[in-house]
Amino acid sequence: MSDVVYVGKAGVDAAADRGWLLGHFKPLGDPRHSDDVEIKWGVHPPGDERGEWVEGEERTALLVLISGRFRVELPGRSVLLSEPGDYVVWGKGVGHSWYAEEASTVLTVRWPSVPGYRIG
């Protein structure tokens, strides 16, 4: 049964794979391998930002604020997540960028897990 169960710490495991805890990029046979969904534990220092606007997104995404103050830029809209549990969802084809106004931890869920995308 141990091959279908994985117990870890998000902060430790995320550091090993640029924040990603689950997705197509984990080895086959690892319980964290999934073609259906990707999950990221993002820890961002104040002032951290996405370097480029994301275009041509093929996935739907959910971003949940765990702690801090985090801004998500979407076409024609800026969303500020300021209280733990605040979240935003955007669909396929919606470009985005982000900026950590304070030290922030966010949980991102994207689906499906699309091979060929950078783990970033």
C-alpha atoms as a PDB file:
ATOM      1  CA  MET A   1       0.000   0.000   0.000  1.00  0.00           C
ATOM      2  CA  SER A   2       2.936   2.371   0.512  1.00  0.00           C
ATOM      3  CA  ASP A   3       3.267   2.923  -3.264  1.00  0.00           C
ATOM      4  CA  VAL A   4      -0.161   4.612  -3.410  1.00  0.00           C
ATOM      5  CA  VAL A   5       0.333   6.861  -0.387  1.00  0.00           C
ATOM      6  CA  TYR A   6       2.695   9.796  -0.081  1.00  0.00           C
ATOM      7  CA  VAL A   7       3.053  11.907   3.050  1.00  0.00           C
ATOM      8  CA  GLY A   8       5.052  15.101   2.870  1.00  0.00           C
ATOM      9  CA  LYS A   9       5.420  18.732   3.845  1.00  0.00           C
ATOM     10  CA  ALA A  10       4.358  21.239   1.206  1.00  0.00           C
ATOM     11  CA  GLY A  11       7.121  23.721   2.010  1.00  0.00           C
ATOM     12  CA  VAL A  12       9.861  21.108   1.816  1.00  0.00           C
ATOM     13  CA  ASP A  13       8.559  19.152  -1.180  1.00  0.00           C
ATOM     14  CA  ALA A  14       7.680  22.304  -3.118  1.00  0.00           C
ATOM     15  CA  ALA A  15      11.245  23.603  -2.826  1.00  0.00           C
ATOM     16  CA  ALA A  16      12.462  20.556  -4.761  1.00  0.00           C
ATOM     17  CA  ASP A  17      10.279  21.209  -7.829  1.00  0.00           C
ATOM     18  CA  ARG A  18       9.750  24.988  -8.109  1.00  0.00           C
ATOM     19  CA  GLY A  19       6.637  24.721  -5.945  1.00  0.00           C
ATOM     20  CA  TRP A  20       4.882  21.912  -7.763  1.00  0.00           C
ATOM     21  CA  LEU A  21       3.515  19.116  -5.584  1.00  0.00           C
ATOM     22  CA  LEU A  22       1.432  17.167  -8.093  1.00  0.00           C
ATOM     23  CA  GLY A  23       1.126  16.886 -11.875  1.00  0.00           C
ATOM     24  CA  HIS A  24       2.184  15.103 -15.060  1.00  0.00           C
ATOM     25  CA  PHE A  25       5.827  16.006 -14.378  1.00  0.00           C
ATOM     26  CA  LYS A  26       6.109  13.724 -11.330  1.00  0.00           C
ATOM     27  CA  PRO A  27       7.453  10.219 -12.099  1.00  0.00           C
ATOM     28  CA  LEU A  28       5.018   7.539 -13.240  1.00  0.00           C
ATOM     29  CA  GLY A  29       4.118   5.348 -10.277  1.00  0.00           C
ATOM     30  CA  ASP A  30       4.524   8.235  -7.821  1.00  0.00           C
ATOM     31  CA  PRO A  31       1.136   8.976  -6.162  1.00  0.00           C
ATOM     32  CA  ARG A  32       1.791  12.648  -7.003  1.00  0.00           C
ATOM     33  CA  HIS A  33       1.783  11.936 -10.757  1.00  0.00           C
ATOM     34  CA  SER A  34      -1.419  13.149 -12.420  1.00  0.00           C
ATOM     35  CA  ASP A  35      -2.491  13.866 -15.976  1.00  0.00           C
ATOM     36  CA  ASP A  36      -5.676  15.479 -14.644  1.00  0.00           C
ATOM     37  CA  VAL A  37      -4.510  18.191 -12.261  1.00  0.00           C
ATOM     38  CA  GLU A  38      -1.459  20.180 -11.084  1.00  0.00           C
ATOM     39  CA  ILE A  39      -1.030  21.598  -7.588  1.00  0.00           C
ATOM     40  CA  LYS A  40       1.548  24.183  -6.564  1.00  0.00           C
ATOM     41  CA  TRP A  41       2.544  25.545  -3.128  1.00  0.00           C
ATOM     42  CA  GLY A  42       3.889  28.979  -3.973  1.00  0.00           C
ATOM     43  CA  VAL A  43       5.967  30.902  -1.428  1.00  0.00           C
ATOM     44  CA  HIS A  44       6.691  34.447  -2.621  1.00  0.00           C
ATOM     45  CA  PRO A  45       8.803  37.167  -0.973  1.00  0.00           C
ATOM     46  CA  PRO A  46       7.453  40.733  -1.055  1.00  0.00           C
ATOM     47  CA  GLY A  47       7.802  42.246  -4.507  1.00  0.00           C
ATOM     48  CA  ASP A  48       8.043  38.872  -6.268  1.00  0.00           C
ATOM     49  CA  GLU A  49       6.265  38.974  -9.618  1.00  0.00           C
ATOM     50  CA  ARG A  50       5.701  36.904 -12.720  1.00  0.00           C
ATOM     51  CA  GLY A  51       8.231  38.099 -15.277  1.00  0.00           C
ATOM     52  CA  GLU A  52       5.973  37.741 -18.306  1.00  0.00           C
ATOM     53  CA  TRP A  53       2.266  37.815 -19.022  1.00  0.00           C
ATOM     54  CA  VAL A  54       0.968  34.259 -19.622  1.00  0.00           C
ATOM     55  CA  GLU A  55      -0.674  33.904 -23.051  1.00  0.00           C
ATOM     56  CA  GLY A  56      -2.427  30.972 -24.675  1.00  0.00           C
ATOM     57  CA  GLU A  57      -3.238  29.207 -21.412  1.00  0.00           C
ATOM     58  CA  GLU A  58      -4.781  25.766 -22.028  1.00  0.00           C
ATOM     59  CA  ARG A  59      -5.810  25.102 -18.429  1.00  0.00           C
ATOM     60  CA  THR A  60      -8.317  26.359 -15.904  1.00  0.00           C
ATOM     61  CA  ALA A  61      -6.723  27.656 -12.696  1.00  0.00           C
ATOM     62  CA  LEU A  62      -7.718  28.250  -9.080  1.00  0.00           C
ATOM     63  CA  LEU A  63      -5.410  30.324  -6.864  1.00  0.00           C
ATOM     64  CA  VAL A  64      -6.094  30.433  -3.097  1.00  0.00           C
ATOM     65  CA  LEU A  65      -4.349  32.819  -0.698  1.00  0.00           C
ATOM     66  CA  ILE A  66      -2.948  31.015   2.344  1.00  0.00           C
ATOM     67  CA  SER A  67      -1.174  34.044   3.821  1.00  0.00           C
ATOM     68  CA  GLY A  68       0.040  37.506   2.800  1.00  0.00           C
ATOM     69  CA  ARG A  69      -1.286  39.893   0.161  1.00  0.00           C
ATOM     70  CA  PHE A  70      -1.209  38.751  -3.465  1.00  0.00           C
ATOM     71  CA  ARG A  71      -2.412  40.455  -6.640  1.00  0.00           C
ATOM     72  CA  VAL A  72      -3.485  38.581  -9.787  1.00  0.00           C
ATOM     73  CA  GLU A  73      -3.666  40.559 -13.018  1.00  0.00           C
ATOM     74  CA  LEU A  74      -6.227  39.362 -15.552  1.00  0.00           C
ATOM     75  CA  PRO A  75      -7.342  40.987 -18.809  1.00  0.00           C
ATOM     76  CA  GLY A  76      -9.118  44.199 -17.809  1.00  0.00           C
ATOM     77  CA  ARG A  77      -9.142  43.286 -14.119  1.00  0.00           C
ATOM     78  CA  SER A  78      -6.822  43.320 -11.120  1.00  0.00           C
ATOM     79  CA  VAL A  79      -7.779  40.986  -8.248  1.00  0.00           C
ATOM     80  CA  LEU A  80      -6.322  41.567  -4.779  1.00  0.00           C
ATOM     81  CA  LEU A  81      -6.289  38.562  -2.444  1.00  0.00           C
ATOM     82  CA  SER A  82      -5.834  39.991   1.045  1.00  0.00           C
ATOM     83  CA  GLU A  83      -7.433  37.581   3.522  1.00  0.00           C
ATOM     84  CA  PRO A  84      -6.604  33.893   3.982  1.00  0.00           C
ATOM     85  CA  GLY A  85      -9.021  31.893   1.877  1.00  0.00           C
ATOM     86  CA  ASP A  86      -9.557  34.609  -0.762  1.00  0.00           C
ATOM     87  CA  TYR A  87      -9.381  32.997  -4.186  1.00  0.00           C
ATOM     88  CA  VAL A  88      -9.736  33.599  -7.892  1.00  0.00           C
ATOM     89  CA  VAL A  89     -10.538  31.198 -10.750  1.00  0.00           C
ATOM     90  CA  TRP A  90      -9.839  31.827 -14.419  1.00  0.00           C
ATOM     91  CA  GLY A  91     -10.578  29.656 -17.409  1.00  0.00           C
ATOM     92  CA  LYS A  92      -8.839  28.404 -20.508  1.00  0.00           C
ATOM     93  CA  GLY A  93      -7.518  31.120 -22.757  1.00  0.00           C
ATOM     94  CA  VAL A  94      -7.359  33.779 -20.028  1.00  0.00           C
ATOM     95  CA  GLY A  95      -3.951  35.442 -19.772  1.00  0.00           C
ATOM     96  CA  HIS A  96      -2.580  36.425 -16.390  1.00  0.00           C
ATOM     97  CA  SER A  97       0.287  37.717 -14.306  1.00  0.00           C
ATOM     98  CA  TRP A  98       0.793  38.189 -10.547  1.00  0.00           C
ATOM     99  CA  TYR A  99       2.579  40.248  -7.911  1.00  0.00           C
ATOM    100  CA  ALA A 100       3.227  39.558  -4.199  1.00  0.00           C
ATOM    101  CA  GLU A 101       2.450  42.821  -2.377  1.00  0.00           C
ATOM    102  CA  GLU A 102       3.618  41.180   0.870  1.00  0.00           C
ATOM    103  CA  ALA A 103       5.343  37.894   1.647  1.00  0.00           C
ATOM    104  CA  SER A 104       2.692  35.459   0.455  1.00  0.00           C
ATOM    105  CA  THR A 105       1.888  31.780   0.302  1.00  0.00           C
ATOM    106  CA  VAL A 106      -0.623  30.658  -2.316  1.00  0.00           C
ATOM    107  CA  LEU A 107      -2.008  27.309  -3.404  1.00  0.00           C
ATOM    108  CA  THR A 108      -2.568  26.964  -7.140  1.00  0.00           C
ATOM    109  CA  VAL A 109      -4.589  24.193  -8.758  1.00  0.00           C
ATOM    110  CA  ARG A 110      -4.545  23.883 -12.564  1.00  0.00           C
ATOM    111  CA  TRP A 111      -6.346  21.393 -14.743  1.00  0.00           C
ATOM    112  CA  PRO A 112      -5.699  19.453 -16.828  1.00  0.00           C
ATOM    113  CA  SER A 113      -2.004  18.770 -16.360  1.00  0.00           C
ATOM    114  CA  VAL A 114      -0.601  19.542 -19.813  1.00  0.00           C
ATOM    115  CA  PRO A 115       2.741  17.980 -20.831  1.00  0.00           C
ATOM    116  CA  GLY A 116       5.071  20.428 -22.508  1.00  0.00           C
ATOM    117  CA  TYR A 117       4.268  23.328 -20.231  1.00  0.00           C
ATOM    118  CA  ARG A 118       7.134  24.626 -18.161  1.00  0.00           C
ATOM    119  CA  ILE A 119       6.976  23.765 -14.461  1.00  0.00           C
ATOM    120  CA  GLY A 120       6.931  27.442 -13.573  1.00  0.00           C
END
